[in-house]
Protein backbone atom coordinates (compact mmCIF):
# COMPACT_ATOMS: atom_id res chain seq x y z
CA MET A 1 -3.45 -11.56 17.71
CA LYS A 2 -4.83 -7.89 17.61
CA ILE A 3 -6.71 -6.83 14.58
CA SER A 4 -5.36 -3.79 13.17
CA ASP A 5 -7.00 -2.69 10.04
CA SER A 6 -10.51 -4.23 10.01
CA GLY A 7 -12.09 -1.82 12.29
CA MET A 8 -12.91 -4.55 14.83
CA GLY A 9 -10.53 -3.45 17.35
CA SER A 10 -11.18 -1.08 20.15
CA HIS A 11 -8.33 1.42 19.11
CA VAL A 12 -8.63 0.99 15.35
CA LEU A 13 -9.51 3.39 12.55
CA PRO A 14 -10.36 1.37 9.44
CA GLY A 15 -7.72 1.94 6.78
CA ASP A 16 -5.07 3.32 9.04
CA PHE A 17 -2.13 1.09 8.03
CA ARG A 18 -3.08 1.25 4.34
CA ILE A 19 -2.77 5.02 4.24
CA LYS A 20 0.06 5.20 6.51
CA THR A 21 -1.30 7.04 9.31
CA ASN A 22 -0.91 6.46 12.97
CA ARG A 23 1.44 3.71 12.53
CA ASP A 24 3.61 5.02 15.34
CA VAL A 25 0.60 4.94 17.68
CA TYR A 26 -0.48 1.41 16.87
CA GLY A 27 3.30 0.39 16.78
CA ALA A 28 3.53 1.55 20.72
CA MET A 29 0.50 -0.39 21.35
CA GLY A 30 1.97 -3.56 20.08
CA MET A 31 -0.24 -3.79 17.08
CA THR A 32 1.07 -5.21 13.76
CA GLU A 33 -0.15 -4.71 10.24
CA HIS A 34 -2.79 -7.40 9.43
CA PRO A 35 -4.75 -8.02 6.09
CA GLU A 36 -7.64 -5.58 5.70
CA ALA A 37 -10.40 -8.53 5.42
CA LEU A 38 -9.23 -10.26 8.83
CA ILE A 39 -12.61 -11.00 10.27
CA ILE A 40 -13.84 -13.56 12.88
CA ARG A 41 -14.62 -17.07 11.43
CA PRO A 42 -17.05 -19.73 12.71
CA PRO A 43 -15.30 -22.45 14.57
CA SER A 44 -16.13 -24.88 12.01
CA GLU A 45 -13.97 -22.74 9.27
CA TRP A 46 -10.91 -22.27 11.44
CA ARG A 47 -8.64 -23.16 8.75
CA SER A 48 -9.91 -20.67 6.33
CA LEU A 49 -9.16 -17.12 5.76
CA LEU A 50 -10.68 -14.62 3.52
CA VAL A 51 -8.98 -12.11 1.30
CA ARG A 52 -11.05 -9.17 0.34
CA ILE A 53 -11.04 -8.85 -3.59
CA THR A 54 -14.20 -6.51 -4.09
CA ARG A 55 -16.27 -4.39 -1.67
CA GLY A 56 -19.94 -3.60 -2.23
CA CYS A 57 -22.52 -4.64 -4.96
CA ASN A 58 -21.74 -4.21 -8.44
CA TRP A 59 -25.55 -3.74 -9.16
CA ASN A 60 -26.65 -1.67 -6.07
CA ARG A 61 -30.00 -0.83 -7.80
CA CYS A 62 -32.18 -2.87 -5.90
CA ARG A 63 -35.12 -0.90 -4.43
CA PHE A 64 -35.56 -3.34 -1.66
CA CYS A 65 -32.10 -3.20 -0.51
CA GLY A 66 -30.76 -0.32 1.70
CA ILE A 67 -27.75 -2.13 3.25
CA TYR A 68 -25.05 -0.29 1.31
CA PRO A 69 -26.20 3.13 1.44
CA ALA A 70 -27.13 2.69 5.02
CA MET A 71 -23.57 1.71 5.74
CA GLY A 72 -22.29 4.70 3.73
CA GLN A 73 -20.75 2.63 1.21
CA PRO A 74 -22.98 2.79 -2.01
CA ASP A 75 -20.06 2.29 -4.39
CA PHE A 76 -18.54 -0.97 -5.63
CA SER A 77 -14.79 -1.26 -5.63
CA CYS A 78 -12.22 -3.83 -6.85
CA ARG A 79 -8.86 -4.15 -4.96
CA THR A 80 -5.49 -3.84 -7.19
CA LEU A 81 -3.58 -7.22 -7.74
CA ALA A 82 -0.63 -5.58 -5.60
CA GLU A 83 -3.04 -4.90 -2.84
CA ILE A 84 -4.51 -8.38 -2.84
CA ARG A 85 -0.90 -9.91 -3.14
CA HIS A 86 0.29 -7.91 -0.06
CA ASP A 87 -2.62 -9.38 2.00
CA ILE A 88 -1.81 -13.05 0.81
CA ASP A 89 1.99 -12.30 1.77
CA LEU A 90 0.92 -11.17 5.17
CA LEU A 91 -1.18 -14.35 5.66
CA ILE A 92 1.64 -16.85 4.57
CA ARG A 93 4.09 -15.16 7.18
């Protein structure tokens, strides 16, 4: 399985399938659409899958924490129900 939307592949730009760019390029490489939050799980959790509902920290005010600003993602966001259902539909195929 090739990961197309998580940013973990060698020829991948995060979000490309979601914003409908480069589908012809990835299609030519044999890549298919996968849920955004597809990540590598530990072997002990091989039967589990994660579906991203939110991103970032809704507090994001801790003085000791620089992780989100350092990652360039300081904002908290929630996905829409339609986006979440789409990922679940992809997972049950």
